Amino acid sequence: AEGDLSLVEIGAAPDLVAETVELLKDQWPGVSEETRMKAIARYTSPRSDGATSFTLLLTRKQSKIEGRASSDGATGIKKGDGKVVVAHARLHAAKSTFKNAKALILHSLCVRKELRNHGIGKRLLDAAKAYVVKHAPENKYILLKTQPSNVE
């Protein structure tokens, strides 16, 4: 259920990286898995260059009937300690200030297709704002970088 959502920074959940890559491939097809893996590594805190960057996931517990079919048709594959990635957001430090204050750019946000239109994106944004206040309070704004989706 949507009430069972948890926020996790991907650096604390390396077992969810592959599932996150699959979610991103569904949202933005045409980018190689290798490129996606490099981007996740680059935008995982702490960064070697000291820049503020977060890749945040909303997860929920996997039900017994969930799971992707494997090549032999079996289902119920347990992933990420029984968690399913339902949404992803990537934030990174803006190169310049906004209204004379530090800011983060929300570079990407996506929700699983089958869970859209249920307020999960808003819940992820709210959780991301709370996360930034706690972990990077010097950032006073979160700016949105908008572009059309490749998915209808």
C-alpha atoms as a PDB file:
ATOM      1  CA  ALA A   1       0.000   0.000   0.000  1.00  0.00           C
ATOM      2  CA  GLU A   2       1.079   3.577  -0.545  1.00  0.00           C
ATOM      3  CA  GLY A   3       1.142   4.161   3.229  1.00  0.00           C
ATOM      4  CA  ASP A   4       4.075   1.758   3.559  1.00  0.00           C
ATOM      5  CA  LEU A   5       6.550   3.888   1.608  1.00  0.00           C
ATOM      6  CA  SER A   6      10.073   4.508   2.914  1.00  0.00           C
ATOM      7  CA  LEU A   7      12.735   6.951   1.719  1.00  0.00           C
ATOM      8  CA  VAL A   8      16.253   5.622   1.226  1.00  0.00           C
ATOM      9  CA  GLU A   9      19.426   7.196  -0.180  1.00  0.00           C
ATOM     10  CA  ILE A  10      20.764   4.807  -2.802  1.00  0.00           C
ATOM     11  CA  GLY A  11      24.229   4.811  -1.234  1.00  0.00           C
ATOM     12  CA  ALA A  12      22.669   3.096   1.785  1.00  0.00           C
ATOM     13  CA  ALA A  13      20.960   0.494  -0.414  1.00  0.00           C
ATOM     14  CA  PRO A  14      23.380  -0.776  -3.071  1.00  0.00           C
ATOM     15  CA  ASP A  15      21.177  -3.857  -3.480  1.00  0.00           C
ATOM     16  CA  LEU A  16      18.530  -1.594  -5.073  1.00  0.00           C
ATOM     17  CA  VAL A  17      20.788  -0.172  -7.811  1.00  0.00           C
ATOM     18  CA  ALA A  18      19.883  -2.753 -10.478  1.00  0.00           C
ATOM     19  CA  GLU A  19      16.161  -2.298  -9.853  1.00  0.00           C
ATOM     20  CA  THR A  20      16.600   1.482  -9.997  1.00  0.00           C
ATOM     21  CA  VAL A  21      18.346   1.147 -13.370  1.00  0.00           C
ATOM     22  CA  GLU A  22      15.328  -0.852 -14.623  1.00  0.00           C
ATOM     23  CA  LEU A  23      12.934   1.860 -13.429  1.00  0.00           C
ATOM     24  CA  LEU A  24      15.000   4.515 -15.227  1.00  0.00           C
ATOM     25  CA  LYS A  25      15.142   2.417 -18.410  1.00  0.00           C
ATOM     26  CA  ASP A  26      11.345   2.239 -18.402  1.00  0.00           C
ATOM     27  CA  GLN A  27      11.104   6.022 -17.998  1.00  0.00           C
ATOM     28  CA  TRP A  28      13.901   7.063 -20.356  1.00  0.00           C
ATOM     29  CA  PRO A  29      14.649   4.266 -22.845  1.00  0.00           C
ATOM     30  CA  GLY A  30      17.661   4.427 -25.104  1.00  0.00           C
ATOM     31  CA  VAL A  31      20.350   5.018 -22.484  1.00  0.00           C
ATOM     32  CA  SER A  32      22.711   2.129 -21.825  1.00  0.00           C
ATOM     33  CA  GLU A  33      22.778   0.315 -18.499  1.00  0.00           C
ATOM     34  CA  GLU A  34      26.479   1.195 -18.159  1.00  0.00           C
ATOM     35  CA  THR A  35      25.719   4.925 -18.532  1.00  0.00           C
ATOM     36  CA  ARG A  36      22.936   4.699 -15.937  1.00  0.00           C
ATOM     37  CA  MET A  37      25.206   2.866 -13.480  1.00  0.00           C
ATOM     38  CA  LYS A  38      27.889   5.543 -13.898  1.00  0.00           C
ATOM     39  CA  ALA A  39      25.323   8.301 -13.303  1.00  0.00           C
ATOM     40  CA  ILE A  40      24.067   6.605 -10.134  1.00  0.00           C
ATOM     41  CA  ALA A  41      27.644   6.289  -8.866  1.00  0.00           C
ATOM     42  CA  ARG A  42      28.399   9.924  -9.757  1.00  0.00           C
ATOM     43  CA  TYR A  43      25.324  11.247  -7.954  1.00  0.00           C
ATOM     44  CA  THR A  44      25.593   9.149  -4.816  1.00  0.00           C
ATOM     45  CA  SER A  45      26.644  10.860  -1.613  1.00  0.00           C
ATOM     46  CA  PRO A  46      29.370  11.392  -0.496  1.00  0.00           C
ATOM     47  CA  ARG A  47      30.936  12.612  -3.705  1.00  0.00           C
ATOM     48  CA  SER A  48      34.689  12.711  -4.119  1.00  0.00           C
ATOM     49  CA  ASP A  49      34.517  16.374  -5.223  1.00  0.00           C
ATOM     50  CA  GLY A  50      32.559  17.363  -2.106  1.00  0.00           C
ATOM     51  CA  ALA A  51      29.504  18.547  -4.072  1.00  0.00           C
ATOM     52  CA  THR A  52      26.120  17.941  -2.510  1.00  0.00           C
ATOM     53  CA  SER A  53      24.256  15.251  -4.408  1.00  0.00           C
ATOM     54  CA  PHE A  54      21.552  12.764  -3.493  1.00  0.00           C
ATOM     55  CA  THR A  55      19.875   9.899  -5.308  1.00  0.00           C
ATOM     56  CA  LEU A  56      16.742   9.145  -3.319  1.00  0.00           C
ATOM     57  CA  LEU A  57      14.344   6.240  -3.666  1.00  0.00           C
ATOM     58  CA  LEU A  58      10.872   5.612  -2.353  1.00  0.00           C
ATOM     59  CA  THR A  59      10.485   1.927  -1.579  1.00  0.00           C
ATOM     60  CA  ARG A  60       7.775  -0.313  -0.233  1.00  0.00           C
ATOM     61  CA  LYS A  61       7.776  -3.861   1.016  1.00  0.00           C
ATOM     62  CA  GLN A  62       7.431  -6.437  -1.706  1.00  0.00           C
ATOM     63  CA  SER A  63       4.244  -8.470  -1.560  1.00  0.00           C
ATOM     64  CA  LYS A  64       4.342 -12.233  -1.994  1.00  0.00           C
ATOM     65  CA  ILE A  65       2.727 -11.993  -5.422  1.00  0.00           C
ATOM     66  CA  GLU A  66       5.116  -9.345  -6.783  1.00  0.00           C
ATOM     67  CA  GLY A  67       8.285 -10.024  -8.674  1.00  0.00           C
ATOM     68  CA  ARG A  68       9.456 -10.029 -12.219  1.00  0.00           C
ATOM     69  CA  ALA A  69       9.429 -13.192 -14.260  1.00  0.00           C
ATOM     70  CA  SER A  70      12.839 -14.685 -14.803  1.00  0.00           C
ATOM     71  CA  SER A  71      13.938 -16.259 -18.069  1.00  0.00           C
ATOM     72  CA  ASP A  72      12.463 -19.593 -16.956  1.00  0.00           C
ATOM     73  CA  GLY A  73       9.114 -17.987 -16.096  1.00  0.00           C
ATOM     74  CA  ALA A  74       9.503 -18.128 -12.297  1.00  0.00           C
ATOM     75  CA  THR A  75       8.191 -15.156 -10.323  1.00  0.00           C
ATOM     76  CA  GLY A  76       8.516 -13.811  -6.819  1.00  0.00           C
ATOM     77  CA  ILE A  77      12.169 -12.825  -7.087  1.00  0.00           C
ATOM     78  CA  LYS A  78      13.184 -11.214  -3.811  1.00  0.00           C
ATOM     79  CA  LYS A  79      15.042  -7.959  -4.382  1.00  0.00           C
ATOM     80  CA  GLY A  80      16.563  -5.379  -2.088  1.00  0.00           C
ATOM     81  CA  ASP A  81      15.833  -7.026   1.254  1.00  0.00           C
ATOM     82  CA  GLY A  82      12.208  -7.497   0.241  1.00  0.00           C
ATOM     83  CA  LYS A  83      11.804  -3.901  -0.952  1.00  0.00           C
ATOM     84  CA  VAL A  84      10.519  -2.651  -4.294  1.00  0.00           C
ATOM     85  CA  VAL A  85      11.645   0.687  -5.759  1.00  0.00           C
ATOM     86  CA  VAL A  86       8.513   2.688  -6.582  1.00  0.00           C
ATOM     87  CA  ALA A  87      10.044   6.103  -7.306  1.00  0.00           C
ATOM     88  CA  HIS A  88      13.422   7.778  -7.893  1.00  0.00           C
ATOM     89  CA  ALA A  89      14.702  11.338  -7.579  1.00  0.00           C
ATOM     90  CA  ARG A  90      18.161  12.766  -8.187  1.00  0.00           C
ATOM     91  CA  LEU A  91      19.218  16.095  -6.741  1.00  0.00           C
ATOM     92  CA  HIS A  92      22.556  17.826  -7.131  1.00  0.00           C
ATOM     93  CA  ALA A  93      24.097  21.151  -6.235  1.00  0.00           C
ATOM     94  CA  ALA A  94      23.341  24.049  -8.560  1.00  0.00           C
ATOM     95  CA  LYS A  95      26.462  25.631 -10.054  1.00  0.00           C
ATOM     96  CA  SER A  96      25.247  29.103  -9.148  1.00  0.00           C
ATOM     97  CA  THR A  97      23.117  30.524  -6.397  1.00  0.00           C
ATOM     98  CA  PHE A  98      19.412  31.272  -6.577  1.00  0.00           C
ATOM     99  CA  LYS A  99      18.243  34.449  -4.827  1.00  0.00           C
ATOM    100  CA  ASN A 100      21.733  34.639  -3.261  1.00  0.00           C
ATOM    101  CA  ALA A 101      21.378  31.233  -1.601  1.00  0.00           C
ATOM    102  CA  LYS A 102      22.639  27.736  -2.296  1.00  0.00           C
ATOM    103  CA  ALA A 103      20.222  25.497  -4.142  1.00  0.00           C
ATOM    104  CA  LEU A 104      19.815  21.940  -5.356  1.00  0.00           C
ATOM    105  CA  ILE A 105      18.452  21.000  -8.767  1.00  0.00           C
ATOM    106  CA  LEU A 106      15.923  18.195  -8.974  1.00  0.00           C
ATOM    107  CA  HIS A 107      17.425  16.627 -12.064  1.00  0.00           C
ATOM    108  CA  SER A 108      15.099  13.657 -12.443  1.00  0.00           C
ATOM    109  CA  LEU A 109      12.031  12.188 -10.830  1.00  0.00           C
ATOM    110  CA  CYS A 110      10.108   9.124 -11.935  1.00  0.00           C
ATOM    111  CA  VAL A 111       7.431   6.818 -10.550  1.00  0.00           C
ATOM    112  CA  ARG A 112       6.673   3.269 -11.676  1.00  0.00           C
ATOM    113  CA  LYS A 113       4.111   3.370 -14.488  1.00  0.00           C
ATOM    114  CA  GLU A 114       1.562   1.237 -12.677  1.00  0.00           C
ATOM    115  CA  LEU A 115       1.702   3.460  -9.578  1.00  0.00           C
ATOM    116  CA  ARG A 116       1.327   6.865 -11.228  1.00  0.00           C
ATOM    117  CA  ASN A 117      -1.554   9.213 -10.414  1.00  0.00           C
ATOM    118  CA  HIS A 118      -1.646   8.138  -6.759  1.00  0.00           C
ATOM    119  CA  GLY A 119       0.364  11.012  -5.248  1.00  0.00           C
ATOM    120  CA  ILE A 120       3.635   9.075  -5.006  1.00  0.00           C
ATOM    121  CA  GLY A 121       5.620  11.754  -6.884  1.00  0.00           C
ATOM    122  CA  LYS A 122       4.364  14.379  -4.433  1.00  0.00           C
ATOM    123  CA  ARG A 123       5.233  12.113  -1.503  1.00  0.00           C
ATOM    124  CA  LEU A 124       8.746  11.704  -2.924  1.00  0.00           C
ATOM    125  CA  LEU A 125       9.147  15.479  -3.319  1.00  0.00           C
ATOM    126  CA  ASP A 126       7.944  16.065   0.255  1.00  0.00           C
ATOM    127  CA  ALA A 127      10.322  13.395   1.564  1.00  0.00           C
ATOM    128  CA  ALA A 128      13.194  14.833  -0.521  1.00  0.00           C
ATOM    129  CA  LYS A 129      12.598  18.315   0.944  1.00  0.00           C
ATOM    130  CA  ALA A 130      12.677  16.894   4.486  1.00  0.00           C
ATOM    131  CA  TYR A 131      15.842  14.929   3.642  1.00  0.00           C
ATOM    132  CA  VAL A 132      17.580  18.070   2.336  1.00  0.00           C
ATOM    133  CA  VAL A 133      16.596  20.071   5.436  1.00  0.00           C
ATOM    134  CA  LYS A 134      18.168  17.382   7.627  1.00  0.00           C
ATOM    135  CA  HIS A 135      21.253  16.462   5.548  1.00  0.00           C
ATOM    136  CA  ALA A 136      22.074  19.626   3.564  1.00  0.00           C
ATOM    137  CA  PRO A 137      20.403  22.569   5.351  1.00  0.00           C
ATOM    138  CA  GLU A 138      22.693  25.088   3.650  1.00  0.00           C
ATOM    139  CA  ASN A 139      20.578  24.578   0.519  1.00  0.00           C
ATOM    140  CA  LYS A 140      17.603  26.903   0.770  1.00  0.00           C
ATOM    141  CA  TYR A 141      15.906  25.968  -2.525  1.00  0.00           C
ATOM    142  CA  ILE A 142      15.178  22.951  -4.685  1.00  0.00           C
ATOM    143  CA  LEU A 143      14.916  23.980  -8.325  1.00  0.00           C
ATOM    144  CA  LEU A 144      13.153  21.882 -10.937  1.00  0.00           C
ATOM    145  CA  LYS A 145      14.796  21.068 -14.244  1.00  0.00           C
ATOM    146  CA  THR A 146      11.937  20.302 -16.590  1.00  0.00           C
ATOM    147  CA  GLN A 147      11.793  18.491 -19.882  1.00  0.00           C
ATOM    148  CA  PRO A 148       9.179  16.327 -21.568  1.00  0.00           C
ATOM    149  CA  SER A 149       8.930  12.682 -20.612  1.00  0.00           C
ATOM    150  CA  ASN A 150       9.574   9.948 -23.171  1.00  0.00           C
ATOM    151  CA  VAL A 151       6.691   7.975 -21.684  1.00  0.00           C
ATOM    152  CA  GLU A 152       3.004   8.715 -22.049  1.00  0.00           C
END
